[in-house]
PDB file of N, CA and C in Angstrom:
ATOM      1  N   UNK A   1     102.501 136.010  51.525  1.00  0.00           N
ATOM      2  CA  UNK A   1     102.150 135.987  52.272  1.00  0.00           C
ATOM      3  C   UNK A   1     101.147 134.632  52.394  1.00  0.00           C
ATOM      4  N   UNK A   2     100.418 134.676  51.285  1.00  0.00           N
ATOM      5  CA  UNK A   2      99.719 133.776  50.897  1.00  0.00           C
ATOM      6  C   UNK A   2     100.038 132.346  50.492  1.00  0.00           C
ATOM      7  N   UNK A   3     101.640 132.089  50.561  1.00  0.00           N
ATOM      8  CA  UNK A   3     102.031 130.916  50.200  1.00  0.00           C
ATOM      9  C   UNK A   3     102.486 130.588  51.521  1.00  0.00           C
ATOM     10  N   UNK A   4     103.151 131.556  52.483  1.00  0.00           N
ATOM     11  CA  UNK A   4     103.438 131.101  54.116  1.00  0.00           C
ATOM     12  C   UNK A   4     101.533 130.441  54.526  1.00  0.00           C
ATOM     13  N   UNK A   5     100.423 131.181  54.388  1.00  0.00           N
ATOM     14  CA  UNK A   5      99.243 130.529  54.683  1.00  0.00           C
ATOM     15  C   UNK A   5      99.410 129.304  54.188  1.00  0.00           C
ATOM     16  N   UNK A   6      99.578 129.216  53.186  1.00  0.00           N
ATOM     17  CA  UNK A   6      99.451 127.644  52.711  1.00  0.00           C
ATOM     18  C   UNK A   6      99.981 126.805  52.888  1.00  0.00           C
ATOM     19  N   UNK A   7     101.330 126.681  53.514  1.00  0.00           N
ATOM     20  CA  UNK A   7     102.383 125.900  53.849  1.00  0.00           C
ATOM     21  C   UNK A   7     102.030 125.577  55.180  1.00  0.00           C
ATOM     22  N   UNK A   8     101.536 126.556  56.244  1.00  0.00           N
ATOM     23  CA  UNK A   8     100.899 126.433  57.206  1.00  0.00           C
ATOM     24  C   UNK A   8      99.733 125.422  57.191  1.00  0.00           C
ATOM     25  N   UNK A   9      98.890 125.631  56.478  1.00  0.00           N
ATOM     26  CA  UNK A   9      98.114 124.827  56.494  1.00  0.00           C
ATOM     27  C   UNK A   9      97.604 123.398  56.228  1.00  0.00           C
ATOM     28  N   UNK A  10      98.628 123.017  55.237  1.00  0.00           N
ATOM     29  CA  UNK A  10      99.227 121.800  54.588  1.00  0.00           C
ATOM     30  C   UNK A  10     100.570 121.491  55.982  1.00  0.00           C
ATOM     31  N   UNK A  11     101.314 122.151  56.467  1.00  0.00           N
ATOM     32  CA  UNK A  11     101.462 121.477  57.733  1.00  0.00           C
ATOM     33  C   UNK A  11     100.739 121.296  58.896  1.00  0.00           C
ATOM     34  N   UNK A  12      99.814 121.951  58.741  1.00  0.00           N
ATOM     35  CA  UNK A  12      98.968 121.444  60.375  1.00  0.00           C
ATOM     36  C   UNK A  12      98.070 120.325  59.978  1.00  0.00           C
ATOM     37  N   UNK A  13      97.504 119.999  58.642  1.00  0.00           N
ATOM     38  CA  UNK A  13      96.699 119.254  58.292  1.00  0.00           C
ATOM     39  C   UNK A  13      97.541 117.725  58.092  1.00  0.00           C
ATOM     40  N   UNK A  14      98.967 117.876  58.230  1.00  0.00           N
ATOM     41  CA  UNK A  14      99.717 116.824  57.948  1.00  0.00           C
ATOM     42  C   UNK A  14      99.767 116.409  59.501  1.00  0.00           C
ATOM     43  N   UNK A  15     100.153 117.400  60.278  1.00  0.00           N
ATOM     44  CA  UNK A  15     100.325 116.907  61.580  1.00  0.00           C
ATOM     45  C   UNK A  15      99.006 116.295  62.182  1.00  0.00           C
ATOM     46  N   UNK A  16      97.816 116.866  62.133  1.00  0.00           N
ATOM     47  CA  UNK A  16      96.606 116.380  62.594  1.00  0.00           C
ATOM     48  C   UNK A  16      96.643 114.986  62.153  1.00  0.00           C
ATOM     49  N   UNK A  17      97.087 114.600  61.046  1.00  0.00           N
ATOM     50  CA  UNK A  17      97.093 113.145  60.726  1.00  0.00           C
ATOM     51  C   UNK A  17      97.809 112.336  60.972  1.00  0.00           C
ATOM     52  N   UNK A  18      98.848 112.855  61.567  1.00  0.00           N
ATOM     53  CA  UNK A  18      99.897 111.899  61.859  1.00  0.00           C
ATOM     54  C   UNK A  18      99.602 111.441  63.360  1.00  0.00           C
ATOM     55  N   UNK A  19      99.013 112.501  63.932  1.00  0.00           N
ATOM     56  CA  UNK A  19      98.505 112.571  65.335  1.00  0.00           C
ATOM     57  C   UNK A  19      97.530 111.823  65.702  1.00  0.00           C
ATOM     58  N   UNK A  20      96.423 111.673  64.638  1.00  0.00           N
ATOM     59  CA  UNK A  20      95.450 111.050  64.354  1.00  0.00           C
ATOM     60  C   UNK A  20      95.613 109.509  64.340  1.00  0.00           C
ATOM     61  N   UNK A  21      96.816 109.034  63.707  1.00  0.00           N
ATOM     62  CA  UNK A  21      97.252 107.552  63.060  1.00  0.00           C
ATOM     63  C   UNK A  21      98.086 107.162  64.402  1.00  0.00           C
ATOM     64  N   UNK A  22      98.983 107.925  65.027  1.00  0.00           N
ATOM     65  CA  UNK A  22      99.869 107.534  66.258  1.00  0.00           C
ATOM     66  C   UNK A  22      98.984 106.892  67.235  1.00  0.00           C
ATOM     67  N   UNK A  23      97.940 108.191  67.884  1.00  0.00           N
ATOM     68  CA  UNK A  23      96.766 107.597  68.780  1.00  0.00           C
ATOM     69  C   UNK A  23      96.297 105.902  68.954  1.00  0.00           C
ATOM     70  N   UNK A  24      95.967 105.698  67.365  1.00  0.00           N
ATOM     71  CA  UNK A  24      95.334 104.553  67.220  1.00  0.00           C
ATOM     72  C   UNK A  24      96.278 103.571  67.490  1.00  0.00           C
ATOM     73  N   UNK A  25      97.450 103.509  67.352  1.00  0.00           N
ATOM     74  CA  UNK A  25      98.650 102.729  67.544  1.00  0.00           C
ATOM     75  C   UNK A  25      99.765 102.438  68.940  1.00  0.00           C
ATOM     76  N   UNK A  26      98.557 103.132  69.694  1.00  0.00           N
ATOM     77  CA  UNK A  26      99.686 103.221  71.372  1.00  0.00           C
ATOM     78  C   UNK A  26      99.297 101.668  71.961  1.00  0.00           C
ATOM     79  N   UNK A  27      98.836 100.930  71.474  1.00  0.00           N
ATOM     80  CA  UNK A  27      98.766  99.179  72.086  1.00  0.00           C
ATOM     81  C   UNK A  27      97.076  99.196  72.974  1.00  0.00           C
ATOM     82  N   UNK A  28      96.440  99.798  72.392  1.00  0.00           N
ATOM     83  CA  UNK A  28      94.788  99.703  72.948  1.00  0.00           C
ATOM     84  C   UNK A  28      94.826  98.098  73.825  1.00  0.00           C
ATOM     85  N   UNK A  29      93.805  98.257  74.620  1.00  0.00           N
ATOM     86  CA  UNK A  29      93.870  96.771  75.033  1.00  0.00           C
ATOM     87  C   UNK A  29      92.661  96.575  74.419  1.00  0.00           C
ATOM     88  N   UNK A  30      92.622  94.867  74.586  1.00  0.00           N
ATOM     89  CA  UNK A  30      91.595  93.968  73.441  1.00  0.00           C
ATOM     90  C   UNK A  30      90.747  93.677  74.784  1.00  0.00           C
ATOM     91  N   UNK A  31      89.623  93.369  73.805  1.00  0.00           N
ATOM     92  CA  UNK A  31      88.259  93.232  74.627  1.00  0.00           C
ATOM     93  C   UNK A  31      88.446  91.987  75.237  1.00  0.00           C
ATOM     94  N   UNK A  32      88.111  91.645  76.564  1.00  0.00           N
ATOM     95  CA  UNK A  32      88.034  90.419  77.290  1.00  0.00           C
ATOM     96  C   UNK A  32      87.633  89.317  76.207  1.00  0.00           C
ATOM     97  N   UNK A  33      88.409  88.375  76.588  1.00  0.00           N
ATOM     98  CA  UNK A  33      87.921  87.049  75.763  1.00  0.00           C
ATOM     99  C   UNK A  33      88.340  87.113  74.597  1.00  0.00           C
ATOM    100  N   UNK A  34      89.318  88.302  73.928  1.00  0.00           N
ATOM    101  CA  UNK A  34      89.912  87.719  72.429  1.00  0.00           C
ATOM    102  C   UNK A  34      90.560  87.496  72.717  1.00  0.00           C
ATOM    103  N   UNK A  35      91.204  86.879  71.560  1.00  0.00           N
ATOM    104  CA  UNK A  35      92.765  85.800  71.613  1.00  0.00           C
ATOM    105  C   UNK A  35      92.943  85.801  69.883  1.00  0.00           C
ATOM    106  N   UNK A  36      94.001  86.173  69.427  1.00  0.00           N
ATOM    107  CA  UNK A  36      94.341  85.981  68.180  1.00  0.00           C
ATOM    108  C   UNK A  36      95.774  85.191  68.318  1.00  0.00           C
ATOM    109  N   UNK A  37      96.162  84.839  67.056  1.00  0.00           N
ATOM    110  CA  UNK A  37      97.444  84.533  66.853  1.00  0.00           C
ATOM    111  C   UNK A  37      98.861  85.098  67.693  1.00  0.00           C
ATOM    112  N   UNK A  38      98.592  86.499  67.642  1.00  0.00           N
ATOM    113  CA  UNK A  38      99.442  87.482  68.041  1.00  0.00           C
ATOM    114  C   UNK A  38      99.550  87.323  69.767  1.00  0.00           C
ATOM    115  N   UNK A  39      98.256  87.287  70.128  1.00  0.00           N
ATOM    116  CA  UNK A  39      98.336  87.173  72.453  1.00  0.00           C
ATOM    117  C   UNK A  39      98.587  86.179  72.597  1.00  0.00           C
ATOM    118  N   UNK A  40      98.121  84.898  71.637  1.00  0.00           N
ATOM    119  CA  UNK A  40      98.708  83.503  72.102  1.00  0.00           C
ATOM    120  C   UNK A  40     100.358  83.237  72.030  1.00  0.00           C
ATOM    121  N   UNK A  41     100.867  83.898  71.031  1.00  0.00           N
ATOM    122  CA  UNK A  41     102.148  83.477  70.856  1.00  0.00           C
ATOM    123  C   UNK A  41     103.021  84.426  72.111  1.00  0.00           C
ATOM    124  N   UNK A  42     102.570  85.780  72.621  1.00  0.00           N
ATOM    125  CA  UNK A  42     103.003  86.366  73.510  1.00  0.00           C
ATOM    126  C   UNK A  42     103.008  86.128  74.630  1.00  0.00           C
ATOM    127  N   UNK A  43     101.398  85.075  74.743  1.00  0.00           N
ATOM    128  CA  UNK A  43     101.751  84.384  75.840  1.00  0.00           C
ATOM    129  C   UNK A  43     102.787  83.023  76.235  1.00  0.00           C
ATOM    130  N   UNK A  44     102.802  82.422  75.102  1.00  0.00           N
ATOM    131  CA  UNK A  44     103.720  81.585  75.192  1.00  0.00           C
ATOM    132  C   UNK A  44     105.222  82.158  75.274  1.00  0.00           C
ATOM    133  N   UNK A  45     105.649  83.347  74.885  1.00  0.00           N
ATOM    134  CA  UNK A  45     106.847  83.628  75.070  1.00  0.00           C
ATOM    135  C   UNK A  45     107.085  83.897  76.137  1.00  0.00           C
ATOM    136  N   UNK A  46     106.122  84.763  77.358  1.00  0.00           N
ATOM    137  CA  UNK A  46     106.329  85.176  78.525  1.00  0.00           C
ATOM    138  C   UNK A  46     106.435  84.073  79.554  1.00  0.00           C
ATOM    139  N   UNK A  47     105.160  83.058  78.996  1.00  0.00           N
ATOM    140  CA  UNK A  47     105.388  81.406  80.087  1.00  0.00           C
ATOM    141  C   UNK A  47     106.721  80.984  79.907  1.00  0.00           C
ATOM    142  N   UNK A  48     107.721  80.971  78.725  1.00  0.00           N
ATOM    143  CA  UNK A  48     108.785  80.835  78.561  1.00  0.00           C
ATOM    144  C   UNK A  48     109.657  80.910  79.350  1.00  0.00           C
ATOM    145  N   UNK A  49     109.781  82.373  79.186  1.00  0.00           N
ATOM    146  CA  UNK A  49     110.834  83.407  79.575  1.00  0.00           C
ATOM    147  C   UNK A  49     110.577  83.378  81.322  1.00  0.00           C
ATOM    148  N   UNK A  50     109.367  82.727  81.969  1.00  0.00           N
ATOM    149  CA  UNK A  50     109.279  82.997  83.258  1.00  0.00           C
ATOM    150  C   UNK A  50     109.940  81.631  83.569  1.00  0.00           C
ATOM    151  N   UNK A  51     109.540  80.645  82.853  1.00  0.00           N
ATOM    152  CA  UNK A  51     110.070  78.876  83.132  1.00  0.00           C
ATOM    153  C   UNK A  51     111.691  79.139  82.979  1.00  0.00           C
ATOM    154  N   UNK A  52     112.041  79.698  82.208  1.00  0.00           N
ATOM    155  CA  UNK A  52     113.735  79.343  82.010  1.00  0.00           C
ATOM    156  C   UNK A  52     114.280  80.523  83.249  1.00  0.00           C
ATOM    157  N   UNK A  53     113.392  81.396  84.143  1.00  0.00           N
ATOM    158  CA  UNK A  53     114.074  82.412  85.282  1.00  0.00           C
ATOM    159  C   UNK A  53     113.907  81.609  86.043  1.00  0.00           C
ATOM    160  N   UNK A  54     112.547  80.885  86.101  1.00  0.00           N
ATOM    161  CA  UNK A  54     112.428  80.244  87.606  1.00  0.00           C
ATOM    162  C   UNK A  54     113.342  78.897  87.507  1.00  0.00           C
ATOM    163  N   UNK A  55     113.759  78.153  86.676  1.00  0.00           N
ATOM    164  CA  UNK A  55     114.982  77.643  86.544  1.00  0.00           C
ATOM    165  C   UNK A  55     116.406  77.575  86.882  1.00  0.00           C
ATOM    166  N   UNK A  56     116.466  78.926  86.212  1.00  0.00           N
ATOM    167  CA  UNK A  56     117.996  79.677  86.668  1.00  0.00           C
ATOM    168  C   UNK A  56     118.082  79.505  88.411  1.00  0.00           C
ATOM    169  N   UNK A  57     116.691  80.680  89.011  1.00  0.00           N
ATOM    170  CA  UNK A  57     116.843  80.547  90.060  1.00  0.00           C
ATOM    171  C   UNK A  57     116.877  79.164  91.138  1.00  0.00           C
ATOM    172  N   UNK A  58     116.180  77.987  90.753  1.00  0.00           N
ATOM    173  CA  UNK A  58     116.210  77.258  91.377  1.00  0.00           C
ATOM    174  C   UNK A  58     117.726  76.874  91.328  1.00  0.00           C
ATOM    175  N   UNK A  59     118.245  76.492  90.311  1.00  0.00           N
ATOM    176  CA  UNK A  59     119.950  76.189  90.010  1.00  0.00           C
ATOM    177  C   UNK A  59     120.963  77.023  91.142  1.00  0.00           C
ATOM    178  N   UNK A  60     120.554  78.326  91.221  1.00  0.00           N
ATOM    179  CA  UNK A  60     121.568  79.214  91.922  1.00  0.00           C
ATOM    180  C   UNK A  60     121.136  78.671  93.608  1.00  0.00           C
ATOM    181  N   UNK A  61     119.859  78.267  93.647  1.00  0.00           N
ATOM    182  CA  UNK A  61     119.491  78.318  94.907  1.00  0.00           C
ATOM    183  C   UNK A  61     120.091  76.508  95.541  1.00  0.00           C
ATOM    184  N   UNK A  62     120.143  75.643  94.657  1.00  0.00           N
ATOM    185  CA  UNK A  62     120.929  74.326  94.344  1.00  0.00           C
ATOM    186  C   UNK A  62     122.374  74.525  94.721  1.00  0.00           C
ATOM    187  N   UNK A  63     123.065  75.526  94.256  1.00  0.00           N
ATOM    188  CA  UNK A  63     124.317  75.416  94.127  1.00  0.00           C
ATOM    189  C   UNK A  63     124.502  75.962  95.712  1.00  0.00           C
ATOM    190  N   UNK A  64     123.847  77.075  95.895  1.00  0.00           N
ATOM    191  CA  UNK A  64     123.838  77.791  97.849  1.00  0.00           C
ATOM    192  C   UNK A  64     124.104  76.794  98.816  1.00  0.00           C
ATOM    193  N   UNK A  65     122.477  75.965  98.441  1.00  0.00           N
ATOM    194  CA  UNK A  65     122.764  75.031  99.367  1.00  0.00           C
ATOM    195  C   UNK A  65     124.173  73.871  99.757  1.00  0.00           C
ATOM    196  N   UNK A  66     124.221  73.556  98.204  1.00  0.00           N
ATOM    197  CA  UNK A  66     125.539  72.785  98.432  1.00  0.00           C
ATOM    198  C   UNK A  66     126.637  73.162  99.115  1.00  0.00           C
ATOM    199  N   UNK A  67     126.914  74.439  99.243  1.00  0.00           N
ATOM    200  CA  UNK A  67     128.089  75.350  99.354  1.00  0.00           C
ATOM    201  C   UNK A  67     127.761  75.442 100.788  1.00  0.00           C
ATOM    202  N   UNK A  68     126.558  75.335 101.295  1.00  0.00           N
ATOM    203  CA  UNK A  68     125.890  75.694 102.649  1.00  0.00           C
ATOM    204  C   UNK A  68     126.730  74.455 103.478  1.00  0.00           C
ATOM    205  N   UNK A  69     126.256  73.427 102.722  1.00  0.00           N
ATOM    206  CA  UNK A  69     126.139  71.662 103.432  1.00  0.00           C
ATOM    207  C   UNK A  69     127.666  71.697 103.341  1.00  0.00           C
ATOM    208  N   UNK A  70     128.579  72.088 102.393  1.00  0.00           N
ATOM    209  CA  UNK A  70     129.788  71.937 102.380  1.00  0.00           C
ATOM    210  C   UNK A  70     130.870  72.950 103.683  1.00  0.00           C
ATOM    211  N   UNK A  71     130.266  73.600 103.481  1.00  0.00           N
ATOM    212  CA  UNK A  71     130.883  74.516 105.156  1.00  0.00           C
ATOM    213  C   UNK A  71     130.426  73.837 106.244  1.00  0.00           C
ATOM    214  N   UNK A  72     129.008  73.178 106.621  1.00  0.00           N
ATOM    215  CA  UNK A  72     128.597  72.397 107.561  1.00  0.00           C
ATOM    216  C   UNK A  72     129.189  71.613 107.836  1.00  0.00           C
ATOM    217  N   UNK A  73     130.086  70.454 106.754  1.00  0.00           N
ATOM    218  CA  UNK A  73     130.409  69.211 106.964  1.00  0.00           C
ATOM    219  C   UNK A  73     131.937  69.970 107.431  1.00  0.00           C
ATOM    220  N   UNK A  74     132.574  70.648 106.964  1.00  0.00           N
ATOM    221  CA  UNK A  74     133.818  71.276 107.397  1.00  0.00           C
ATOM    222  C   UNK A  74     133.726  71.751 108.605  1.00  0.00           C
ATOM    223  N   UNK A  75     132.529  72.799 109.559  1.00  0.00           N
ATOM    224  CA  UNK A  75     132.823  72.755 110.745  1.00  0.00           C
ATOM    225  C   UNK A  75     132.885  71.710 111.552  1.00  0.00           C
ATOM    226  N   UNK A  76     131.648  70.955 111.237  1.00  0.00           N
ATOM    227  CA  UNK A  76     131.436  69.430 112.085  1.00  0.00           C
ATOM    228  C   UNK A  76     132.734  68.521 111.870  1.00  0.00           C
ATOM    229  N   UNK A  77     133.650  68.599 110.979  1.00  0.00           N
ATOM    230  CA  UNK A  77     134.979  67.755 110.922  1.00  0.00           C
ATOM    231  C   UNK A  77     135.848  68.704 112.177  1.00  0.00           C
ATOM    232  N   UNK A  78     135.776  69.930 111.859  1.00  0.00           N
ATOM    233  CA  UNK A  78     136.758  70.848 112.816  1.00  0.00           C
ATOM    234  C   UNK A  78     136.147  70.523 114.218  1.00  0.00           C
ATOM    235  N   UNK A  79     135.121  70.260 114.670  1.00  0.00           N
ATOM    236  CA  UNK A  79     134.497  70.170 115.992  1.00  0.00           C
ATOM    237  C   UNK A  79     135.307  68.516 116.598  1.00  0.00           C
TER     238      UNK A  79
END
């Protein structure tokens, strides 16, 4: 019986340790105004992604506009 109790105590201590460790690593917010190299890099990557996404959207809109103009020209010729 004492060996079972010892194992339970050891397991409960390791679980508490892991739980306490994992709570600190959940991505807590940083204080306002603090910026380290990681946050600067992360912001730069996000800005780059947004810029590329907007560039792709603009290209798609231009292609759509080009097709619409071609259809309009075709209709005008038909008339």
